[in-house]
Amino acid sequence: MRLTTQQLKGMRDGKPKRKKWQAPILTPDGRILSDGTLVLTMMLTPSKNQEPSNRYARQNIHDAAMRDAYSAWLFAQRPKFKSVEITPKFYVWALRDEDNNNSLGIKGAIDGLKGNLMPDDSPKYMKLMPAEQVVDRKNQRLELWITAQLSQETPGATC
């Protein structure tokens, strides 16, 4: 069987080329619910299989996640918390393996909120809850559900 020139252009070493990941068009959004929970909506970054091998391209994806998180925070009227509890909720095409959440875009989003929403991303100021996944084939996105974390200390208590 002979392949045409057009078919050969789509091949590399006899194998089909990997489809290039493209960022979905999604405007970041932020809102505060009636119970005080802040919900930030932003684009979903590529899975580990689709993530580019070029470190500069990976840095661009990280920077885009930071910009999206910051923009969503601005849409939510710039709330500030002393310490927060963050629950990431992924709306995905199909369920993903949750071994490495940094590859799923949480790191870039949290870096975009550091210094704005919360003082730092250390465990003293931020508690990261387990990620949830929901299948939504029409609108893939990442939502960060953020609640103010109440202090465990009682004011004026001495040991």
C-alpha atoms as a PDB file:
ATOM      1  CA  MET A   1       0.000   0.000   0.000  1.00  0.00           C
ATOM      2  CA  ARG A   2       1.430   3.348  -1.060  1.00  0.00           C
ATOM      3  CA  LEU A   3       0.714   6.510   0.900  1.00  0.00           C
ATOM      4  CA  THR A   4       0.022   9.788  -0.820  1.00  0.00           C
ATOM      5  CA  THR A   5       2.071  12.915  -0.127  1.00  0.00           C
ATOM      6  CA  GLN A   6      -0.836  14.352   1.871  1.00  0.00           C
ATOM      7  CA  GLN A   7      -0.955  11.252   4.077  1.00  0.00           C
ATOM      8  CA  LEU A   8       2.821  11.361   4.632  1.00  0.00           C
ATOM      9  CA  LYS A   9       2.650  14.983   5.838  1.00  0.00           C
ATOM     10  CA  GLY A  10       0.476  13.875   8.744  1.00  0.00           C
ATOM     11  CA  MET A  11       2.910  11.104   9.732  1.00  0.00           C
ATOM     12  CA  ARG A  12       6.194  11.038  11.621  1.00  0.00           C
ATOM     13  CA  ASP A  13       8.375   7.920  11.497  1.00  0.00           C
ATOM     14  CA  GLY A  14       5.439   5.947  10.132  1.00  0.00           C
ATOM     15  CA  LYS A  15       3.185   6.998  13.036  1.00  0.00           C
ATOM     16  CA  PRO A  16       0.493   9.674  13.048  1.00  0.00           C
ATOM     17  CA  LYS A  17       1.598  12.980  14.573  1.00  0.00           C
ATOM     18  CA  ARG A  18       0.263  13.806  18.005  1.00  0.00           C
ATOM     19  CA  LYS A  19      -2.539  16.351  17.897  1.00  0.00           C
ATOM     20  CA  LYS A  20      -1.306  19.713  19.152  1.00  0.00           C
ATOM     21  CA  TRP A  21      -3.071  21.008  22.249  1.00  0.00           C
ATOM     22  CA  GLN A  22      -4.920  24.288  21.818  1.00  0.00           C
ATOM     23  CA  ALA A  23      -6.202  26.391  24.676  1.00  0.00           C
ATOM     24  CA  PRO A  24      -9.986  26.498  24.804  1.00  0.00           C
ATOM     25  CA  ILE A  25     -11.604  29.883  24.502  1.00  0.00           C
ATOM     26  CA  LEU A  26     -12.953  30.566  27.969  1.00  0.00           C
ATOM     27  CA  THR A  27     -13.234  33.902  29.708  1.00  0.00           C
ATOM     28  CA  PRO A  28     -12.131  33.642  33.341  1.00  0.00           C
ATOM     29  CA  ASP A  29     -14.938  34.369  35.781  1.00  0.00           C
ATOM     30  CA  GLY A  30     -15.256  34.798  39.520  1.00  0.00           C
ATOM     31  CA  ARG A  31     -18.266  35.006  41.795  1.00  0.00           C
ATOM     32  CA  ILE A  32     -19.055  34.918  45.489  1.00  0.00           C
ATOM     33  CA  LEU A  33     -21.882  32.619  46.567  1.00  0.00           C
ATOM     34  CA  SER A  34     -24.367  33.482  49.317  1.00  0.00           C
ATOM     35  CA  ASP A  35     -22.492  31.349  51.866  1.00  0.00           C
ATOM     36  CA  GLY A  36     -19.278  33.339  51.271  1.00  0.00           C
ATOM     37  CA  THR A  37     -17.625  30.730  49.046  1.00  0.00           C
ATOM     38  CA  LEU A  38     -15.584  32.215  46.221  1.00  0.00           C
ATOM     39  CA  VAL A  39     -15.789  30.296  42.917  1.00  0.00           C
ATOM     40  CA  LEU A  40     -13.143  31.053  40.272  1.00  0.00           C
ATOM     41  CA  THR A  41     -13.670  29.591  36.789  1.00  0.00           C
ATOM     42  CA  MET A  42     -10.783  29.337  34.318  1.00  0.00           C
ATOM     43  CA  MET A  43      -9.481  27.284  31.408  1.00  0.00           C
ATOM     44  CA  LEU A  44      -8.499  23.679  31.871  1.00  0.00           C
ATOM     45  CA  THR A  45      -4.837  23.021  31.095  1.00  0.00           C
ATOM     46  CA  PRO A  46      -3.804  19.980  29.037  1.00  0.00           C
ATOM     47  CA  SER A  47      -3.473  16.504  30.458  1.00  0.00           C
ATOM     48  CA  LYS A  48      -0.026  15.000  30.876  1.00  0.00           C
ATOM     49  CA  ASN A  49      -0.413  13.169  27.533  1.00  0.00           C
ATOM     50  CA  GLN A  50      -1.107  16.401  25.653  1.00  0.00           C
ATOM     51  CA  GLU A  51       1.337  18.576  27.557  1.00  0.00           C
ATOM     52  CA  PRO A  52       4.131  19.852  25.300  1.00  0.00           C
ATOM     53  CA  SER A  53       7.643  18.515  25.903  1.00  0.00           C
ATOM     54  CA  ASN A  54       9.206  21.935  25.291  1.00  0.00           C
ATOM     55  CA  ARG A  55       9.841  23.649  28.637  1.00  0.00           C
ATOM     56  CA  TYR A  56       9.060  27.091  27.202  1.00  0.00           C
ATOM     57  CA  ALA A  57       5.656  25.899  26.019  1.00  0.00           C
ATOM     58  CA  ARG A  58       4.982  24.426  29.471  1.00  0.00           C
ATOM     59  CA  GLN A  59       5.964  27.766  31.005  1.00  0.00           C
ATOM     60  CA  ASN A  60       3.499  29.523  28.693  1.00  0.00           C
ATOM     61  CA  ILE A  61       0.718  27.215  29.911  1.00  0.00           C
ATOM     62  CA  HIS A  62       1.683  27.929  33.538  1.00  0.00           C
ATOM     63  CA  ASP A  63       1.679  31.693  32.864  1.00  0.00           C
ATOM     64  CA  ALA A  64      -1.731  31.483  31.157  1.00  0.00           C
ATOM     65  CA  ALA A  65      -3.142  29.671  34.219  1.00  0.00           C
ATOM     66  CA  MET A  66      -1.709  32.413  36.452  1.00  0.00           C
ATOM     67  CA  ARG A  67      -3.301  35.142  34.311  1.00  0.00           C
ATOM     68  CA  ASP A  68      -6.643  33.326  34.288  1.00  0.00           C
ATOM     69  CA  ALA A  69      -6.672  32.947  38.083  1.00  0.00           C
ATOM     70  CA  TYR A  70      -5.759  36.604  38.566  1.00  0.00           C
ATOM     71  CA  SER A  71      -8.453  37.737  36.092  1.00  0.00           C
ATOM     72  CA  ALA A  72     -11.078  35.563  37.781  1.00  0.00           C
ATOM     73  CA  TRP A  73     -10.072  37.057  41.136  1.00  0.00           C
ATOM     74  CA  LEU A  74     -10.549  40.555  39.670  1.00  0.00           C
ATOM     75  CA  PHE A  75     -14.038  39.598  38.396  1.00  0.00           C
ATOM     76  CA  ALA A  76     -14.924  38.516  41.952  1.00  0.00           C
ATOM     77  CA  GLN A  77     -14.273  42.074  43.238  1.00  0.00           C
ATOM     78  CA  ARG A  78     -10.814  41.316  44.711  1.00  0.00           C
ATOM     79  CA  PRO A  79     -11.642  39.546  47.973  1.00  0.00           C
ATOM     80  CA  LYS A  80      -8.792  38.938  50.436  1.00  0.00           C
ATOM     81  CA  PHE A  81      -8.539  36.178  53.027  1.00  0.00           C
ATOM     82  CA  LYS A  82      -6.006  35.511  55.780  1.00  0.00           C
ATOM     83  CA  SER A  83      -6.125  31.760  55.167  1.00  0.00           C
ATOM     84  CA  VAL A  84      -8.140  29.728  52.688  1.00  0.00           C
ATOM     85  CA  GLU A  85      -9.316  26.217  51.881  1.00  0.00           C
ATOM     86  CA  ILE A  86      -9.220  25.475  48.138  1.00  0.00           C
ATOM     87  CA  THR A  87     -11.171  22.665  46.485  1.00  0.00           C
ATOM     88  CA  PRO A  88     -10.329  22.271  42.768  1.00  0.00           C
ATOM     89  CA  LYS A  89     -13.178  20.972  40.622  1.00  0.00           C
ATOM     90  CA  PHE A  90     -12.286  19.763  37.119  1.00  0.00           C
ATOM     91  CA  TYR A  91     -14.990  19.611  34.460  1.00  0.00           C
ATOM     92  CA  VAL A  92     -13.387  17.266  31.926  1.00  0.00           C
ATOM     93  CA  TRP A  93     -14.205  15.346  28.734  1.00  0.00           C
ATOM     94  CA  ALA A  94     -13.360  12.033  30.421  1.00  0.00           C
ATOM     95  CA  LEU A  95     -12.069  11.240  33.901  1.00  0.00           C
ATOM     96  CA  ARG A  96      -8.311  11.707  34.362  1.00  0.00           C
ATOM     97  CA  ASP A  97      -5.766  10.032  36.578  1.00  0.00           C
ATOM     98  CA  GLU A  98      -5.264  12.296  39.602  1.00  0.00           C
ATOM     99  CA  ASP A  99      -1.687  11.311  40.476  1.00  0.00           C
ATOM    100  CA  ASN A 100      -0.048  14.640  39.677  1.00  0.00           C
ATOM    101  CA  ASN A 101      -2.309  17.629  40.214  1.00  0.00           C
ATOM    102  CA  ASN A 102       0.452  20.078  39.253  1.00  0.00           C
ATOM    103  CA  SER A 103       0.136  18.868  35.671  1.00  0.00           C
ATOM    104  CA  LEU A 104      -3.572  19.687  35.787  1.00  0.00           C
ATOM    105  CA  GLY A 105      -3.033  23.407  36.222  1.00  0.00           C
ATOM    106  CA  ILE A 106      -3.541  23.879  39.931  1.00  0.00           C
ATOM    107  CA  LYS A 107       0.011  25.169  40.478  1.00  0.00           C
ATOM    108  CA  GLY A 108      -0.313  27.975  37.943  1.00  0.00           C
ATOM    109  CA  ALA A 109      -3.731  29.004  39.242  1.00  0.00           C
ATOM    110  CA  ILE A 110      -2.554  29.082  42.857  1.00  0.00           C
ATOM    111  CA  ASP A 111       0.526  31.082  41.880  1.00  0.00           C
ATOM    112  CA  GLY A 112      -1.797  33.643  40.281  1.00  0.00           C
ATOM    113  CA  LEU A 113      -3.696  34.021  43.570  1.00  0.00           C
ATOM    114  CA  LYS A 114      -0.623  34.178  45.816  1.00  0.00           C
ATOM    115  CA  GLY A 115      -0.185  37.663  47.216  1.00  0.00           C
ATOM    116  CA  ASN A 116      -3.617  38.752  46.021  1.00  0.00           C
ATOM    117  CA  LEU A 117      -6.301  36.516  47.498  1.00  0.00           C
ATOM    118  CA  MET A 118      -4.066  35.053  50.198  1.00  0.00           C
ATOM    119  CA  PRO A 119      -0.683  36.118  51.598  1.00  0.00           C
ATOM    120  CA  ASP A 120       1.229  32.996  50.498  1.00  0.00           C
ATOM    121  CA  ASP A 121       0.635  29.450  49.255  1.00  0.00           C
ATOM    122  CA  SER A 122       2.302  27.797  52.249  1.00  0.00           C
ATOM    123  CA  PRO A 123       0.300  25.383  54.448  1.00  0.00           C
ATOM    124  CA  LYS A 124       0.022  28.141  57.052  1.00  0.00           C
ATOM    125  CA  TYR A 125      -2.248  30.156  54.732  1.00  0.00           C
ATOM    126  CA  MET A 126      -3.700  27.560  52.361  1.00  0.00           C
ATOM    127  CA  LYS A 127      -5.245  24.120  52.729  1.00  0.00           C
ATOM    128  CA  LEU A 128      -5.607  22.230  49.440  1.00  0.00           C
ATOM    129  CA  MET A 129      -8.512  19.791  49.481  1.00  0.00           C
ATOM    130  CA  PRO A 130      -8.734  16.692  47.226  1.00  0.00           C
ATOM    131  CA  ALA A 131      -9.673  17.501  43.630  1.00  0.00           C
ATOM    132  CA  GLU A 132     -13.094  16.560  42.289  1.00  0.00           C
ATOM    133  CA  GLN A 133     -13.788  15.553  38.687  1.00  0.00           C
ATOM    134  CA  VAL A 134     -17.051  16.001  36.827  1.00  0.00           C
ATOM    135  CA  VAL A 135     -17.603  14.914  33.218  1.00  0.00           C
ATOM    136  CA  ASP A 136     -18.843  17.842  31.111  1.00  0.00           C
ATOM    137  CA  ARG A 137     -18.144  17.285  27.430  1.00  0.00           C
ATOM    138  CA  LYS A 138     -19.452  20.648  26.240  1.00  0.00           C
ATOM    139  CA  ASN A 139     -17.695  23.009  28.647  1.00  0.00           C
ATOM    140  CA  GLN A 140     -14.361  21.772  30.010  1.00  0.00           C
ATOM    141  CA  ARG A 141     -13.033  24.089  32.725  1.00  0.00           C
ATOM    142  CA  LEU A 142     -11.341  24.324  36.106  1.00  0.00           C
ATOM    143  CA  GLU A 143     -13.234  25.771  39.057  1.00  0.00           C
ATOM    144  CA  LEU A 144     -11.529  26.645  42.324  1.00  0.00           C
ATOM    145  CA  TRP A 145     -13.976  26.658  45.248  1.00  0.00           C
ATOM    146  CA  ILE A 146     -12.376  28.840  47.917  1.00  0.00           C
ATOM    147  CA  THR A 147     -13.642  29.300  51.463  1.00  0.00           C
ATOM    148  CA  ALA A 148     -12.145  31.323  54.284  1.00  0.00           C
ATOM    149  CA  GLN A 149     -10.446  29.000  56.724  1.00  0.00           C
ATOM    150  CA  LEU A 150     -11.286  29.783  60.319  1.00  0.00           C
ATOM    151  CA  SER A 151      -8.390  29.996  62.718  1.00  0.00           C
ATOM    152  CA  GLN A 152      -7.995  27.030  65.072  1.00  0.00           C
ATOM    153  CA  GLU A 153      -6.554  29.254  67.808  1.00  0.00           C
ATOM    154  CA  THR A 154      -8.647  31.041  70.377  1.00  0.00           C
ATOM    155  CA  PRO A 155      -7.681  34.720  70.745  1.00  0.00           C
ATOM    156  CA  GLY A 156      -5.864  35.534  73.966  1.00  0.00           C
ATOM    157  CA  ALA A 157      -5.197  31.901  74.880  1.00  0.00           C
ATOM    158  CA  THR A 158      -1.822  31.209  76.441  1.00  0.00           C
ATOM    159  CA  CYS A 159      -0.021  27.919  76.868  1.00  0.00           C
END
